[in-house]
Structure formats: structure tokens, C-alpha cells
C-alpha atoms as a PDB file:
ATOM      1  CA  ALA A   1      13.688 -26.930  11.633  1.00  0.00           C
ATOM      2  CA  LEU A   2      10.325 -25.207  12.215  1.00  0.00           C
ATOM      3  CA  HIS A   3      11.969 -21.847  10.312  1.00  0.00           C
ATOM      4  CA  PHE A   4      13.177 -23.968   7.516  1.00  0.00           C
ATOM      5  CA  GLN A   5       9.872 -25.070   7.136  1.00  0.00           C
ATOM      6  CA  VAL A   6       8.362 -21.751   7.258  1.00  0.00           C
ATOM      7  CA  LYS A   7      10.896 -20.140   4.768  1.00  0.00           C
ATOM      8  CA  CYS A   8      10.349 -22.846   2.674  1.00  0.00           C
ATOM      9  CA  HIS A   9       6.960 -22.190   2.491  1.00  0.00           C
ATOM     10  CA  LEU A  10       7.052 -19.031   2.310  1.00  0.00           C
ATOM     11  CA  ARG A  11       9.513 -18.936  -0.559  1.00  0.00           C
ATOM     12  CA  GLY A  12       7.040 -21.542  -2.647  1.00  0.00           C
ATOM     13  CA  ASP A  13      10.289 -23.837  -2.249  1.00  0.00           C
ATOM     14  CA  ALA A  14       9.744 -28.040  -1.943  1.00  0.00           C
ATOM     15  CA  LEU A  15       9.684 -28.790   2.484  1.00  0.00           C
ATOM     16  CA  PRO A  16      12.341 -29.884   3.526  1.00  0.00           C
ATOM     17  CA  PHE A  17      10.034 -31.388   6.563  1.00  0.00           C
ATOM     18  CA  PRO A  18       6.709 -32.976   4.258  1.00  0.00           C
ATOM     19  CA  GLY A  19       4.213 -33.966   6.321  1.00  0.00           C
ATOM     20  CA  ASN A  20       2.150 -37.424   4.646  1.00  0.00           C
ATOM     21  CA  ASP A  21      -0.761 -36.262   2.670  1.00  0.00           C
ATOM     22  CA  GLY A  22      -3.902 -36.509   3.087  1.00  0.00           C
ATOM     23  CA  ASP A  23      -3.045 -37.661   6.707  1.00  0.00           C
ATOM     24  CA  GLU A  24      -4.429 -36.685   9.547  1.00  0.00           C
ATOM     25  CA  LEU A  25      -1.003 -36.179  11.558  1.00  0.00           C
ATOM     26  CA  SER A  26      -0.021 -33.559   8.375  1.00  0.00           C
ATOM     27  CA  ASN A  27      -3.114 -31.923   9.272  1.00  0.00           C
ATOM     28  CA  ASN A  28      -2.823 -31.674  12.349  1.00  0.00           C
ATOM     29  CA  ASN A  29       1.154 -30.085  11.545  1.00  0.00           C
ATOM     30  CA  GLU A  30      -0.425 -27.632   9.210  1.00  0.00           C
ATOM     31  CA  ASP A  31      -2.883 -25.927  11.462  1.00  0.00           C
ATOM     32  CA  THR A  32       0.597 -26.713  14.104  1.00  0.00           C
ATOM     33  CA  MET A  33       2.783 -24.022  12.280  1.00  0.00           C
ATOM     34  CA  VAL A  34       0.169 -22.119  11.578  1.00  0.00           C
ATOM     35  CA  ARG A  35      -1.062 -21.397  15.345  1.00  0.00           C
ATOM     36  CA  ILE A  36       2.959 -20.549  16.334  1.00  0.00           C
ATOM     37  CA  ALA A  37       3.616 -18.860  13.498  1.00  0.00           C
ATOM     38  CA  GLN A  38       0.286 -16.793  14.542  1.00  0.00           C
ATOM     39  CA  ASN A  39       1.814 -16.412  18.618  1.00  0.00           C
ATOM     40  CA  GLY A  40       5.177 -15.701  17.055  1.00  0.00           C
ATOM     41  CA  GLY A  41       4.107 -12.791  15.705  1.00  0.00           C
ATOM     42  CA  ALA A  42       2.424 -11.781  19.408  1.00  0.00           C
ATOM     43  CA  LEU A  43       5.468 -12.390  21.015  1.00  0.00           C
ATOM     44  CA  SER A  44       8.181 -10.353  18.634  1.00  0.00           C
ATOM     45  CA  ARG A  45       5.200  -7.684  19.019  1.00  0.00           C
ATOM     46  CA  GLN A  46       5.327  -7.944  23.040  1.00  0.00           C
ATOM     47  CA  LEU A  47       9.265  -8.146  22.604  1.00  0.00           C
ATOM     48  CA  GLU A  48       9.791  -5.255  20.289  1.00  0.00           C
ATOM     49  CA  ARG A  49       7.037  -2.703  21.954  1.00  0.00           C
ATOM     50  CA  PRO A  50       9.463  -2.368  25.080  1.00  0.00           C
ATOM     51  CA  ALA A  51      12.864  -2.013  22.793  1.00  0.00           C
ATOM     52  CA  ASP A  52      11.707   1.072  20.716  1.00  0.00           C
ATOM     53  CA  GLU A  53      10.339   2.721  24.247  1.00  0.00           C
ATOM     54  CA  TYR A  54      14.089   2.039  25.124  1.00  0.00           C
ATOM     55  CA  TRP A  55      15.697   3.583  22.160  1.00  0.00           C
ATOM     56  CA  LEU A  56      13.125   6.251  21.742  1.00  0.00           C
ATOM     57  CA  LYS A  57      13.337   7.206  25.367  1.00  0.00           C
ATOM     58  CA  GLU A  58      17.804   7.013  24.537  1.00  0.00           C
ATOM     59  CA  PHE A  59      17.387   9.482  21.702  1.00  0.00           C
ATOM     60  CA  LEU A  60      15.499  12.193  23.611  1.00  0.00           C
ATOM     61  CA  ARG A  61      17.245  11.927  26.598  1.00  0.00           C
ATOM     62  CA  ARG A  62      20.271  12.387  24.230  1.00  0.00           C
ATOM     63  CA  ARG A  63      19.035  15.049  22.573  1.00  0.00           C
ATOM     64  CA  GLY A  64      18.959  17.267  25.855  1.00  0.00           C
ATOM     65  CA  ASN A  65      17.331  20.565  26.018  1.00  0.00           C
ATOM     66  CA  GLN A  66      17.103  20.500  21.872  1.00  0.00           C
ATOM     67  CA  PRO A  67      13.882  21.588  20.478  1.00  0.00           C
ATOM     68  CA  LEU A  68      11.366  18.900  18.827  1.00  0.00           C
ATOM     69  CA  SER A  69       7.920  20.069  16.361  1.00  0.00           C
ATOM     70  CA  THR A  70       5.466  17.929  17.730  1.00  0.00           C
ATOM     71  CA  LEU A  71       1.185  17.996  17.205  1.00  0.00           C
ATOM     72  CA  VAL A  72      -1.249  17.354  19.327  1.00  0.00           C
ATOM     73  CA  LEU A  73      -3.070  14.043  17.699  1.00  0.00           C
ATOM     74  CA  SER A  74      -5.947  13.824  20.233  1.00  0.00           C
ATOM     75  CA  SER A  75      -7.836  14.678  23.342  1.00  0.00           C
ATOM     76  CA  GLU A  76      -8.104  11.646  25.927  1.00  0.00           C
ATOM     77  CA  TYR A  77     -10.855  10.614  28.245  1.00  0.00           C
ATOM     78  CA  ARG A  78      -9.464  12.435  31.568  1.00  0.00           C
ATOM     79  CA  GLU A  79      -9.466  16.284  31.007  1.00  0.00           C
ATOM     80  CA  GLY A  80      -5.449  17.542  29.977  1.00  0.00           C
ATOM     81  CA  VAL A  81      -4.448  13.919  28.943  1.00  0.00           C
ATOM     82  CA  TYR A  82      -3.449  14.390  25.078  1.00  0.00           C
ATOM     83  CA  LYS A  83      -1.855  12.202  22.654  1.00  0.00           C
ATOM     84  CA  LEU A  84       0.947  13.967  21.086  1.00  0.00           C
ATOM     85  CA  LEU A  85       2.694  12.858  17.333  1.00  0.00           C
ATOM     86  CA  LEU A  86       6.817  13.446  16.703  1.00  0.00           C
ATOM     87  CA  PRO A  87       6.954  13.505  13.203  1.00  0.00           C
ATOM     88  CA  GLU A  88      10.260  13.311  12.965  1.00  0.00           C
ATOM     89  CA  LEU A  89      10.456  10.650  14.552  1.00  0.00           C
ATOM     90  CA  GLY A  90       7.220   8.534  14.078  1.00  0.00           C
ATOM     91  CA  ALA A  91       6.085   7.872  17.226  1.00  0.00           C
ATOM     92  CA  ILE A  92       2.907   9.159  19.383  1.00  0.00           C
ATOM     93  CA  CYS A  93       2.929   9.810  23.170  1.00  0.00           C
ATOM     94  CA  THR A  94       0.740  10.775  26.033  1.00  0.00           C
ATOM     95  CA  TYR A  95       1.315  14.268  27.007  1.00  0.00           C
ATOM     96  CA  THR A  96      -0.667  15.695  30.220  1.00  0.00           C
ATOM     97  CA  SER A  97      -0.997  19.190  30.742  1.00  0.00           C
ATOM     98  CA  THR A  98      -1.825  21.816  32.579  1.00  0.00           C
ATOM     99  CA  THR A  99      -3.043  24.312  29.614  1.00  0.00           C
ATOM    100  CA  PRO A 100      -5.439  23.541  27.524  1.00  0.00           C
ATOM    101  CA  LEU A 101      -4.304  21.977  24.036  1.00  0.00           C
ATOM    102  CA  ALA A 102      -5.759  22.603  20.659  1.00  0.00           C
ATOM    103  CA  ILE A 103      -6.110  19.592  18.462  1.00  0.00           C
ATOM    104  CA  GLY A 104      -3.863  19.950  15.342  1.00  0.00           C
ATOM    105  CA  THR A 105      -1.338  22.194  17.183  1.00  0.00           C
ATOM    106  CA  GLN A 106       1.956  22.263  16.578  1.00  0.00           C
ATOM    107  CA  ILE A 107       4.201  22.605  19.663  1.00  0.00           C
ATOM    108  CA  ASP A 108       7.871  22.646  20.362  1.00  0.00           C
ATOM    109  CA  MET A 109       8.977  20.966  22.749  1.00  0.00           C
ATOM    110  CA  GLN A 110      12.380  20.168  24.726  1.00  0.00           C
ATOM    111  CA  SER A 111      13.018  16.832  24.133  1.00  0.00           C
ATOM    112  CA  LEU A 112      14.125  15.813  27.173  1.00  0.00           C
ATOM    113  CA  ASN A 113      11.347  16.827  29.026  1.00  0.00           C
ATOM    114  CA  LEU A 114       9.457  14.530  26.124  1.00  0.00           C
ATOM    115  CA  SER A 115      11.320  11.745  26.947  1.00  0.00           C
ATOM    116  CA  GLU A 116      10.222  11.232  30.689  1.00  0.00           C
ATOM    117  CA  LEU A 117       6.868  10.860  29.090  1.00  0.00           C
ATOM    118  CA  ILE A 118       7.150   7.892  27.609  1.00  0.00           C
END
């Protein structure tokens, strides 16, 4: 029922389950719908992140030893820890290196090594 209620509200259509206008119950229903929609967004993001990580790892694992271009975005508070951008995939991952890397440096890495990082 909530799905149809939200869908109609977003389209600007008449609500299939209208509340009583001006009634305290109606305002309470609207507040409840807003809360559910906000919590639903947070929940979907919590489910989406692990799924994205899984498929990114799987994609990199299947590529094997093929090189992938990466860009060093920043260094972390710890020495030797960097954020890398994978422009081909639109992903950012954390990378630990024993050699110092300059921010903005482009590096070619093997996909298999990257899949272990994520």
C-alpha cells in the first residue's frame, strides 16, 4: 500500500488511500510516510554498497592480470595509505604502498591486485 501511495504522490495523482484532511491522524500518516521513505533510502544504500563492492571485486578478479589505469587521489592520515580512483569503473579504493606516491600520479595496476584491495 505504501508503494502505491508514494508512487501516486510523486506523480501528482490522487492518493489511492487518502487520509482525512485537517485531521491529526492525517498529519500523523504523512509524518509516518516521510519517516518510512527516509529510512528506506538509508536501508537501500546499506544493501547497495556491499553489492557494488562484490561486483567490482568480481569484475576485477575476472580480468585477471590485465592492466587497469588508476589515479592517486589523496594520501590518508597513515603513511603509505592512498585513495585510488579507477576511472574506467568510477570507483575509489584504498591502497597501501611501500613506496611513496604523488597525488595526481597515474599508475597502471593489475586487476587481480586491485580486487584484493576492495
